[in-house]
N, C-alpha and C. Protein backbone atom coordinates (compact mmCIF):
# COMPACT_ATOMS: atom_id res chain seq x y z
N UNK A 1 91.14 -137.32 203.72
CA UNK A 1 91.59 -137.51 204.59
C UNK A 1 92.97 -137.10 203.56
N UNK A 2 93.85 -136.34 204.18
CA UNK A 2 95.08 -136.24 204.11
C UNK A 2 96.41 -136.98 204.38
N UNK A 3 97.12 -136.96 203.04
CA UNK A 3 98.30 -138.18 203.65
C UNK A 3 99.53 -137.28 204.35
N UNK A 4 99.88 -137.41 205.53
CA UNK A 4 100.77 -137.52 206.27
C UNK A 4 102.12 -137.04 205.57
N UNK A 5 102.85 -135.66 205.54
CA UNK A 5 103.78 -135.64 205.20
C UNK A 5 105.28 -135.95 206.54
N UNK A 6 105.90 -137.15 205.97
CA UNK A 6 107.48 -137.29 206.70
C UNK A 6 108.33 -136.66 206.59
N UNK A 7 109.57 -136.53 207.06
CA UNK A 7 110.78 -136.45 206.89
C UNK A 7 111.31 -137.97 206.90
N UNK A 8 112.74 -137.67 205.99
CA UNK A 8 113.48 -139.01 205.94
C UNK A 8 114.34 -138.47 206.61
N UNK A 9 114.39 -139.32 207.76
CA UNK A 9 115.78 -139.15 208.72
C UNK A 9 117.53 -139.28 207.93
N UNK A 10 117.19 -140.02 207.19
CA UNK A 10 118.45 -140.44 207.09
C UNK A 10 118.79 -139.53 205.41
N UNK A 11 117.77 -138.83 204.18
CA UNK A 11 118.38 -138.13 203.78
C UNK A 11 118.39 -136.50 204.78
N UNK A 12 117.76 -136.36 205.75
CA UNK A 12 117.99 -134.92 206.58
C UNK A 12 119.61 -135.44 206.67
N UNK A 13 119.81 -136.10 207.81
CA UNK A 13 121.32 -136.06 208.19
C UNK A 13 122.33 -136.52 207.07
N UNK A 14 122.39 -137.29 205.43
CA UNK A 14 123.13 -137.00 204.47
C UNK A 14 123.28 -135.44 204.42
N UNK A 15 121.77 -134.88 204.37
CA UNK A 15 121.99 -133.18 203.78
C UNK A 15 122.49 -132.31 205.00
N UNK A 16 121.90 -132.40 205.99
CA UNK A 16 123.34 -131.84 207.19
C UNK A 16 124.69 -132.00 207.27
N UNK A 17 124.84 -134.05 206.92
CA UNK A 17 126.87 -133.95 206.92
C UNK A 17 127.44 -132.88 205.66
N UNK A 18 126.29 -132.84 204.54
CA UNK A 18 126.74 -131.96 203.51
C UNK A 18 126.98 -130.43 203.65
N UNK A 19 126.03 -130.33 203.90
CA UNK A 19 126.39 -128.90 204.42
C UNK A 19 127.44 -128.18 205.69
N UNK A 20 127.22 -129.45 206.29
CA UNK A 20 128.66 -128.95 206.93
C UNK A 20 129.67 -128.24 207.05
N UNK A 21 129.71 -129.19 205.42
CA UNK A 21 131.10 -128.57 204.62
C UNK A 21 130.60 -127.33 203.06
N UNK A 22 130.01 -126.87 203.52
CA UNK A 22 129.41 -125.79 202.64
C UNK A 22 130.24 -124.45 203.59
N UNK A 23 130.92 -124.40 202.82
CA UNK A 23 131.67 -123.01 203.59
C UNK A 23 130.60 -121.79 203.40
N UNK A 24 130.04 -121.31 202.46
CA UNK A 24 129.10 -120.26 202.28
C UNK A 24 128.50 -119.81 203.92
N UNK A 25 127.45 -121.10 203.73
CA UNK A 25 127.05 -121.28 204.49
C UNK A 25 127.76 -121.28 206.07
N UNK A 26 128.39 -121.92 206.02
CA UNK A 26 129.26 -121.96 207.96
C UNK A 26 129.94 -120.78 207.80
N UNK A 27 130.13 -119.72 207.01
CA UNK A 27 131.36 -118.62 207.63
C UNK A 27 129.84 -117.90 207.71
N UNK A 28 128.27 -117.76 206.82
CA UNK A 28 127.71 -116.96 207.28
C UNK A 28 126.73 -117.57 208.12
N UNK A 29 126.62 -118.42 208.93
CA UNK A 29 126.07 -118.97 210.46
C UNK A 29 126.94 -118.33 211.39
N UNK A 30 128.35 -118.61 211.09
CA UNK A 30 129.36 -118.03 212.32
C UNK A 30 129.71 -116.30 212.65
N UNK A 31 129.21 -115.92 211.36
CA UNK A 31 129.12 -114.52 211.61
C UNK A 31 127.97 -114.04 211.91
N UNK A 32 126.85 -114.50 211.85
CA UNK A 32 125.54 -114.50 212.18
C UNK A 32 125.58 -114.62 214.40
N UNK A 33 126.51 -115.78 214.29
CA UNK A 33 126.56 -116.28 215.77
C UNK A 33 127.58 -115.15 216.58
N UNK A 34 128.61 -114.79 215.43
CA UNK A 34 129.05 -113.45 216.58
C UNK A 34 128.62 -112.38 216.91
N UNK A 35 127.68 -112.10 216.23
CA UNK A 35 127.36 -110.42 216.28
C UNK A 35 126.00 -111.02 217.31
N UNK A 36 125.56 -111.77 217.45
CA UNK A 36 124.61 -112.51 218.86
C UNK A 36 125.19 -112.18 219.66
N UNK A 37 125.78 -112.83 219.93
CA UNK A 37 127.76 -112.74 220.87
C UNK A 37 127.75 -111.79 221.38
N UNK A 38 128.11 -110.91 220.25
CA UNK A 38 128.29 -109.68 220.54
C UNK A 38 127.46 -108.98 221.01
N UNK A 39 126.35 -108.66 221.02
CA UNK A 39 124.91 -107.75 221.10
C UNK A 39 124.42 -108.19 222.52
N UNK A 40 124.63 -109.81 222.95
CA UNK A 40 124.44 -110.07 224.28
C UNK A 40 125.18 -109.39 225.04
N UNK A 41 126.57 -109.53 224.79
CA UNK A 41 127.62 -108.94 225.22
C UNK A 41 127.57 -108.00 225.64
N UNK A 42 126.75 -106.92 224.60
CA UNK A 42 126.86 -105.20 224.83
C UNK A 42 125.91 -104.53 225.76
N UNK A 43 124.35 -105.81 225.35
CA UNK A 43 123.22 -105.01 226.03
C UNK A 43 123.72 -105.25 227.54
N UNK A 44 124.22 -106.57 228.10
CA UNK A 44 125.04 -107.03 229.22
C UNK A 44 125.62 -105.34 229.64
N UNK A 45 126.24 -104.53 228.68
CA UNK A 45 127.10 -103.29 229.29
C UNK A 45 126.38 -102.01 229.35
N UNK A 46 125.89 -102.14 228.65
CA UNK A 46 124.94 -100.77 228.31
C UNK A 46 124.09 -100.71 226.98
N UNK A 47 123.46 -100.29 226.36
CA UNK A 47 122.95 -100.09 225.48
C UNK A 47 123.14 -99.66 224.03
N UNK A 48 124.71 -100.10 223.90
CA UNK A 48 125.36 -99.43 222.23
C UNK A 48 124.70 -101.43 221.42
N UNK A 49 125.10 -100.54 220.23
CA UNK A 49 124.69 -101.53 219.11
C UNK A 49 125.98 -101.86 218.38
N UNK A 50 126.18 -102.71 218.20
CA UNK A 50 127.55 -103.67 217.54
C UNK A 50 128.53 -102.52 216.52
N UNK A 51 127.69 -101.17 216.01
CA UNK A 51 128.58 -100.59 214.59
C UNK A 51 128.54 -99.49 216.03
N UNK A 52 128.32 -99.46 216.77
CA UNK A 52 128.03 -97.88 217.72
C UNK A 52 129.37 -98.46 218.54
N UNK A 53 129.52 -99.29 219.11
CA UNK A 53 130.82 -100.41 219.85
C UNK A 53 131.78 -99.81 218.63
N UNK A 54 131.72 -100.48 217.49
CA UNK A 54 132.95 -100.31 216.67
C UNK A 54 133.28 -99.00 215.97
N UNK A 55 132.16 -97.98 216.14
CA UNK A 55 132.77 -96.69 216.25
C UNK A 55 133.74 -96.02 216.96
N UNK A 56 132.97 -96.60 218.76
CA UNK A 56 133.68 -95.92 219.41
C UNK A 56 135.07 -96.40 219.52
N UNK A 57 135.24 -97.67 219.08
CA UNK A 57 136.43 -98.36 219.69
C UNK A 57 137.74 -97.61 218.66
N UNK A 58 137.02 -97.64 216.91
CA UNK A 58 138.07 -96.84 216.43
C UNK A 58 138.23 -95.73 216.59
N UNK A 59 137.49 -94.82 216.98
CA UNK A 59 137.41 -93.10 217.29
C UNK A 59 138.70 -93.63 218.82
N UNK A 60 138.72 -94.15 219.50
CA UNK A 60 139.12 -94.48 221.05
C UNK A 60 140.58 -94.67 220.92
N UNK A 61 141.23 -95.65 219.30
CA UNK A 61 142.26 -96.12 219.22
C UNK A 61 142.60 -95.05 218.46
N UNK A 62 142.13 -94.51 217.15
CA UNK A 62 142.90 -94.41 216.25
C UNK A 62 142.75 -92.47 216.13
N UNK A 63 141.45 -91.75 217.85
CA UNK A 63 141.50 -90.42 216.79
C UNK A 63 140.51 -90.29 215.86
N UNK A 64 139.95 -89.30 215.76
CA UNK A 64 139.08 -88.66 214.89
C UNK A 64 139.43 -89.59 213.14
N UNK A 65 138.20 -89.62 212.77
CA UNK A 65 137.97 -90.12 211.53
C UNK A 65 136.67 -89.97 210.87
N UNK A 66 136.42 -90.46 209.37
CA UNK A 66 136.11 -89.95 208.35
C UNK A 66 135.11 -91.83 208.34
N UNK A 67 133.88 -91.42 208.00
CA UNK A 67 133.24 -92.72 207.71
C UNK A 67 133.71 -93.25 206.96
N UNK A 68 134.53 -93.00 206.20
CA UNK A 68 134.30 -93.74 204.65
C UNK A 68 136.18 -94.89 205.55
N UNK A 69 136.84 -93.68 206.33
CA UNK A 69 138.15 -94.57 207.22
C UNK A 69 137.52 -95.64 208.10
N UNK A 70 136.50 -95.48 208.73
CA UNK A 70 135.79 -96.65 209.55
C UNK A 70 135.48 -97.64 208.92
N UNK A 71 134.95 -97.35 208.06
CA UNK A 71 134.12 -98.67 206.83
C UNK A 71 135.25 -99.43 206.70
N UNK A 72 136.20 -98.82 206.41
CA UNK A 72 137.71 -99.52 205.90
C UNK A 72 138.42 -100.09 206.31
N UNK A 73 138.76 -100.08 207.85
CA UNK A 73 139.22 -100.14 209.03
C UNK A 73 138.04 -101.51 209.77
N UNK A 74 137.13 -101.17 209.54
CA UNK A 74 135.78 -102.13 209.55
C UNK A 74 135.22 -103.15 208.55
N UNK A 75 135.87 -102.88 207.71
CA UNK A 75 135.63 -103.68 206.66
C UNK A 75 134.00 -103.87 206.35
N UNK A 76 133.60 -103.07 206.60
CA UNK A 76 131.94 -102.99 206.16
C UNK A 76 131.38 -101.64 205.47
N UNK A 77 130.43 -101.33 205.21
CA UNK A 77 129.51 -101.05 204.57
C UNK A 77 129.90 -99.32 205.12
N UNK A 78 129.65 -97.95 204.11
CA UNK A 78 129.82 -97.15 205.02
C UNK A 78 129.03 -96.20 205.38
N UNK A 79 127.93 -96.98 204.90
CA UNK A 79 126.37 -96.40 204.47
C UNK A 79 125.95 -97.21 206.32
N UNK A 80 126.52 -98.14 206.80
CA UNK A 80 125.78 -98.43 208.11
C UNK A 80 126.35 -97.42 208.59
N UNK A 81 127.71 -97.07 208.47
CA UNK A 81 128.28 -96.60 210.54
C UNK A 81 127.79 -95.13 209.79
N UNK A 82 127.72 -94.39 208.68
CA UNK A 82 126.82 -93.08 208.13
C UNK A 82 125.09 -93.41 208.90
N UNK A 83 124.83 -94.29 208.71
CA UNK A 83 123.05 -94.30 209.62
C UNK A 83 123.51 -94.41 211.11
N UNK A 84 124.68 -94.64 211.85
CA UNK A 84 124.49 -94.43 213.07
C UNK A 84 125.08 -93.48 213.17
N UNK A 85 125.67 -92.23 212.82
CA UNK A 85 126.57 -91.05 213.15
C UNK A 85 125.82 -90.07 213.89
N UNK A 86 124.28 -90.25 213.57
CA UNK A 86 123.53 -89.25 213.75
C UNK A 86 122.83 -89.78 215.02
N UNK A 87 122.59 -90.69 215.13
CA UNK A 87 122.35 -90.87 217.05
C UNK A 87 123.26 -91.23 217.56
N UNK A 88 124.42 -91.12 217.36
CA UNK A 88 125.69 -91.45 218.10
C UNK A 88 125.38 -89.90 218.70
N UNK A 89 125.55 -88.69 217.40
CA UNK A 89 125.88 -87.48 217.89
C UNK A 89 124.86 -86.83 218.96
N UNK A 90 123.39 -87.10 218.51
CA UNK A 90 122.62 -87.21 219.47
C UNK A 90 122.89 -87.70 221.31
N UNK A 91 123.56 -88.60 221.09
CA UNK A 91 123.06 -89.26 222.15
C UNK A 91 125.00 -89.23 222.98
N UNK A 92 125.29 -88.07 222.60
CA UNK A 92 126.35 -87.19 223.02
C UNK A 92 127.39 -87.81 222.76
N UNK A 93 127.81 -88.78 222.32
CA UNK A 93 129.08 -89.97 221.97
C UNK A 93 130.04 -89.56 221.04
N UNK A 94 129.49 -88.22 220.30
CA UNK A 94 131.08 -88.44 219.21
C UNK A 94 130.57 -87.37 218.60
N UNK A 95 130.85 -86.07 217.85
CA UNK A 95 130.76 -84.99 217.53
C UNK A 95 131.25 -85.29 216.20
N UNK A 96 130.55 -84.16 215.15
CA UNK A 96 131.04 -84.07 214.33
C UNK A 96 131.31 -82.78 213.46
N UNK A 97 132.42 -82.58 212.24
CA UNK A 97 132.91 -81.71 211.79
C UNK A 97 132.95 -81.82 210.31
N UNK A 98 133.87 -80.61 209.72
CA UNK A 98 133.72 -80.73 208.53
C UNK A 98 135.40 -81.03 208.70
N UNK A 99 135.97 -81.96 207.14
CA UNK A 99 137.37 -82.18 207.48
C UNK A 99 137.96 -80.98 206.67
N UNK A 100 139.44 -80.46 207.63
CA UNK A 100 140.42 -79.46 207.00
C UNK A 100 140.81 -79.63 205.66
N UNK A 101 140.48 -81.16 205.23
CA UNK A 101 141.60 -81.37 204.03
C UNK A 101 140.86 -81.74 202.86
N UNK A 102 139.64 -81.89 203.32
CA UNK A 102 138.50 -82.53 201.89
C UNK A 102 137.36 -82.69 202.87
N UNK A 103 136.54 -80.91 202.23
CA UNK A 103 135.10 -80.42 203.05
C UNK A 103 134.42 -81.08 202.24
N UNK A 104 133.98 -82.36 201.76
CA UNK A 104 133.26 -83.02 201.48
C UNK A 104 133.20 -84.00 202.68
N UNK A 105 134.37 -84.16 203.33
CA UNK A 105 133.98 -85.46 204.00
C UNK A 105 133.89 -84.30 205.97
N UNK A 106 133.32 -85.55 206.55
CA UNK A 106 132.82 -85.35 207.94
C UNK A 106 133.57 -86.05 208.68
N UNK A 107 134.36 -85.19 209.82
CA UNK A 107 135.40 -85.88 210.81
C UNK A 107 134.65 -86.13 211.82
N UNK A 108 134.81 -87.32 212.05
CA UNK A 108 133.98 -87.77 213.45
C UNK A 108 135.15 -87.81 214.80
N UNK A 109 134.14 -86.96 215.89
CA UNK A 109 135.58 -86.88 217.12
C UNK A 109 134.53 -87.68 217.89
N UNK A 110 135.49 -88.25 218.94
CA UNK A 110 134.96 -88.98 220.28
C UNK A 110 134.58 -87.96 221.40
N UNK A 111 133.10 -87.69 222.18
CA UNK A 111 133.38 -86.86 222.94
C UNK A 111 133.95 -87.26 224.21
N UNK A 112 134.29 -86.93 225.57
CA UNK A 112 134.57 -87.51 226.62
C UNK A 112 133.46 -88.31 227.66
N UNK A 113 132.11 -87.65 226.91
CA UNK A 113 131.26 -88.65 227.42
C UNK A 113 131.52 -90.15 226.27
N UNK A 114 131.52 -90.78 225.42
CA UNK A 114 131.53 -91.00 224.82
C UNK A 114 132.73 -91.95 225.09
N UNK A 115 133.72 -91.27 225.42
CA UNK A 115 135.24 -92.29 225.98
C UNK A 115 134.72 -93.17 227.08
N UNK A 116 133.99 -91.74 227.87
CA UNK A 116 133.82 -92.95 229.25
C UNK A 116 133.10 -94.23 228.74
N UNK A 117 131.49 -94.13 227.92
CA UNK A 117 131.09 -95.30 227.36
C UNK A 117 131.68 -96.33 227.26
N UNK A 118 132.54 -96.18 226.11
CA UNK A 118 133.57 -96.46 225.63
C UNK A 118 134.65 -97.31 226.40
N UNK A 119 135.20 -96.98 227.40
CA UNK A 119 135.86 -97.19 228.57
C UNK A 119 134.98 -98.66 229.47
N UNK A 120 133.61 -98.29 229.51
CA UNK A 120 132.88 -99.04 230.59
C UNK A 120 132.82 -100.17 229.77
N UNK A 121 132.42 -99.92 228.32
CA UNK A 121 132.20 -101.18 227.35
C UNK A 121 133.44 -102.25 227.04
N UNK A 122 134.13 -101.65 226.87
CA UNK A 122 135.23 -102.01 226.72
C UNK A 122 136.13 -103.28 227.67
N UNK A 123 135.52 -103.26 229.08
CA UNK A 123 135.97 -104.32 230.10
C UNK A 123 135.08 -105.71 229.56
N UNK A 124 133.92 -105.52 228.93
CA UNK A 124 133.57 -106.48 228.45
C UNK A 124 133.91 -107.27 227.37
N UNK A 125 133.97 -106.54 226.50
CA UNK A 125 134.38 -106.67 224.61
C UNK A 125 135.91 -106.90 224.96
N UNK A 126 136.45 -106.89 225.90
CA UNK A 126 138.29 -107.13 226.05
C UNK A 126 137.80 -108.79 226.77
N UNK A 127 137.44 -108.97 227.59
CA UNK A 127 136.91 -109.84 228.05
C UNK A 127 136.76 -111.12 226.74
N UNK A 128 135.57 -110.55 225.93
CA UNK A 128 135.80 -111.58 224.58
C UNK A 128 136.70 -112.00 223.67
N UNK A 129 137.38 -110.94 223.99
CA UNK A 129 138.72 -111.41 222.61
C UNK A 129 139.74 -111.61 224.04
N UNK A 130 140.00 -111.88 225.10
CA UNK A 130 140.92 -112.42 225.58
C UNK A 130 140.25 -114.03 225.78
N UNK A 131 138.84 -114.28 225.99
CA UNK A 131 137.96 -115.89 226.13
C UNK A 131 138.58 -116.48 224.44
N UNK A 132 138.61 -115.36 223.16
CA UNK A 132 138.30 -115.88 221.57
C UNK A 132 140.02 -116.83 222.12
N UNK A 133 141.17 -115.74 222.19
CA UNK A 133 142.67 -116.05 222.79
C UNK A 133 142.92 -117.35 223.35
N UNK A 134 142.28 -117.33 224.65
CA UNK A 134 142.42 -118.42 225.62
C UNK A 134 142.20 -119.63 224.39
N UNK A 135 141.08 -119.63 223.22
CA UNK A 135 140.13 -121.14 222.29
C UNK A 135 141.48 -120.85 220.98
N UNK A 136 141.92 -119.85 220.76
CA UNK A 136 142.98 -120.10 219.97
C UNK A 136 144.29 -119.42 220.08
N UNK A 137 145.46 -120.17 219.53
CA UNK A 137 146.49 -119.88 219.47
C UNK A 137 146.82 -119.03 218.50
N UNK A 138 147.66 -117.89 218.58
CA UNK A 138 148.23 -117.29 218.20
C UNK A 138 148.94 -117.70 216.77
N UNK A 139 149.33 -118.67 216.32
CA UNK A 139 149.13 -119.68 215.01
C UNK A 139 147.88 -120.11 214.46
N UNK A 140 147.41 -120.45 215.27
CA UNK A 140 145.78 -120.87 214.50
C UNK A 140 144.89 -119.28 214.00
N UNK A 141 144.91 -118.35 215.31
CA UNK A 141 144.49 -117.00 214.32
C UNK A 141 145.41 -116.64 212.72
N UNK A 142 146.33 -117.17 213.04
CA UNK A 142 147.31 -116.63 212.00
C UNK A 142 146.53 -117.23 210.65
N UNK A 143 146.78 -118.42 210.76
CA UNK A 143 146.19 -119.25 210.00
C UNK A 143 144.79 -119.12 209.56
N UNK A 144 144.17 -118.70 210.45
CA UNK A 144 142.72 -118.31 210.10
C UNK A 144 141.77 -117.45 209.32
N UNK A 145 142.89 -116.58 209.65
CA UNK A 145 143.07 -114.71 209.19
C UNK A 145 143.39 -115.21 207.56
N UNK A 146 144.71 -116.00 207.42
CA UNK A 146 145.37 -116.64 205.71
C UNK A 146 143.94 -116.75 205.00
N UNK A 147 143.26 -118.00 205.76
CA UNK A 147 142.09 -118.44 204.76
C UNK A 147 140.82 -117.37 204.80
N UNK A 148 140.96 -117.15 205.45
CA UNK A 148 139.71 -115.76 205.55
C UNK A 148 139.89 -114.80 204.45
N UNK A 149 141.31 -114.73 204.03
CA UNK A 149 141.89 -114.07 202.56
C UNK A 149 141.60 -114.20 201.51
N UNK A 150 142.33 -115.56 201.96
CA UNK A 150 141.70 -116.35 200.53
C UNK A 150 140.48 -116.68 200.32
N UNK A 151 139.46 -116.91 201.06
CA UNK A 151 137.62 -116.56 201.04
C UNK A 151 137.67 -115.56 200.13
N UNK A 152 137.92 -114.50 201.24
CA UNK A 152 137.22 -113.04 200.06
C UNK A 152 137.85 -112.98 199.10
N UNK A 153 139.37 -113.09 199.16
CA UNK A 153 139.92 -113.20 196.97
C UNK A 153 138.55 -113.76 196.45
N UNK A 154 138.51 -115.37 196.46
CA UNK A 154 137.59 -115.84 195.83
C UNK A 154 136.57 -115.29 195.60
N UNK A 155 135.58 -114.49 196.53
CA UNK A 155 134.06 -114.50 196.86
C UNK A 155 134.23 -112.94 195.92
N UNK A 156 135.06 -112.18 196.15
CA UNK A 156 135.80 -110.37 195.01
C UNK A 156 135.65 -110.51 193.90
N UNK A 157 136.67 -112.09 193.75
CA UNK A 157 136.80 -112.14 192.21
C UNK A 157 135.89 -112.53 191.25
N UNK A 158 135.47 -112.05 189.90
CA UNK A 158 134.80 -112.33 189.25
C UNK A 158 134.76 -114.12 188.65
N UNK A 159 133.93 -114.77 188.19
CA UNK A 159 134.02 -116.46 188.26
C UNK A 159 134.54 -116.59 186.63
N UNK A 160 134.83 -117.89 186.65
CA UNK A 160 135.07 -117.96 185.01
C UNK A 160 133.70 -118.07 184.42
N UNK A 161 133.37 -117.67 183.04
CA UNK A 161 131.66 -117.65 182.77
C UNK A 161 130.76 -119.08 182.76
N UNK A 162 129.89 -118.44 183.46
CA UNK A 162 129.17 -120.07 184.36
C UNK A 162 128.30 -120.68 182.70
N UNK A 163 128.06 -121.90 183.54
CA UNK A 163 127.20 -122.74 182.15
C UNK A 163 126.31 -122.22 181.73
N UNK A 164 125.61 -121.41 182.78
CA UNK A 164 123.97 -120.92 182.00
C UNK A 164 124.37 -119.58 181.35
N UNK A 165 125.32 -118.75 181.72
CA UNK A 165 125.97 -118.09 180.59
C UNK A 165 125.92 -118.91 179.48
N UNK A 166 127.25 -119.57 179.07
CA UNK A 166 126.70 -119.48 177.60
C UNK A 166 125.98 -120.70 177.08
N UNK A 167 124.98 -121.53 177.88
CA UNK A 167 124.06 -122.04 177.06
C UNK A 167 123.70 -120.72 176.67
N UNK A 168 123.33 -119.82 177.31
CA UNK A 168 122.58 -118.54 176.58
C UNK A 168 123.05 -117.92 175.43
N UNK A 169 123.86 -118.35 175.54
CA UNK A 169 124.48 -117.35 174.06
C UNK A 169 124.41 -118.24 172.36
């Protein structure tokens, strides 16, 4: 006969409360929930991935861009965008050409078809942004952005020497 293992509800509740204040976990969970929501909305408007949507949006707003420029705008890894571009070319959303100023870079441009897809999809994504602006005031968004900036600065900066590193020396 085996002993049945049981959870301790009071310890589970205490752990949940503690992790509710864990910024690392909370931001990760919020980011994942945002991606799931965006994917669901994009699926209802067509078959674009989030990366494809953001590429189309950047190109519609800023014109031809390099992958590096889009990665900077989106605050993402340029490899993510680079992997999406060939499929977007095959689908007829974008074209690529060699940059006139730096022949090592490709310029990505929106096609007429890509612009149509963007226009159709932007309706649902604009509705998402409008719903968010009804949830948070402009001042609250500004405060939230300031806090995210501080968090990003923290996670991008080297931490002081850790206690385990001191013990190893």
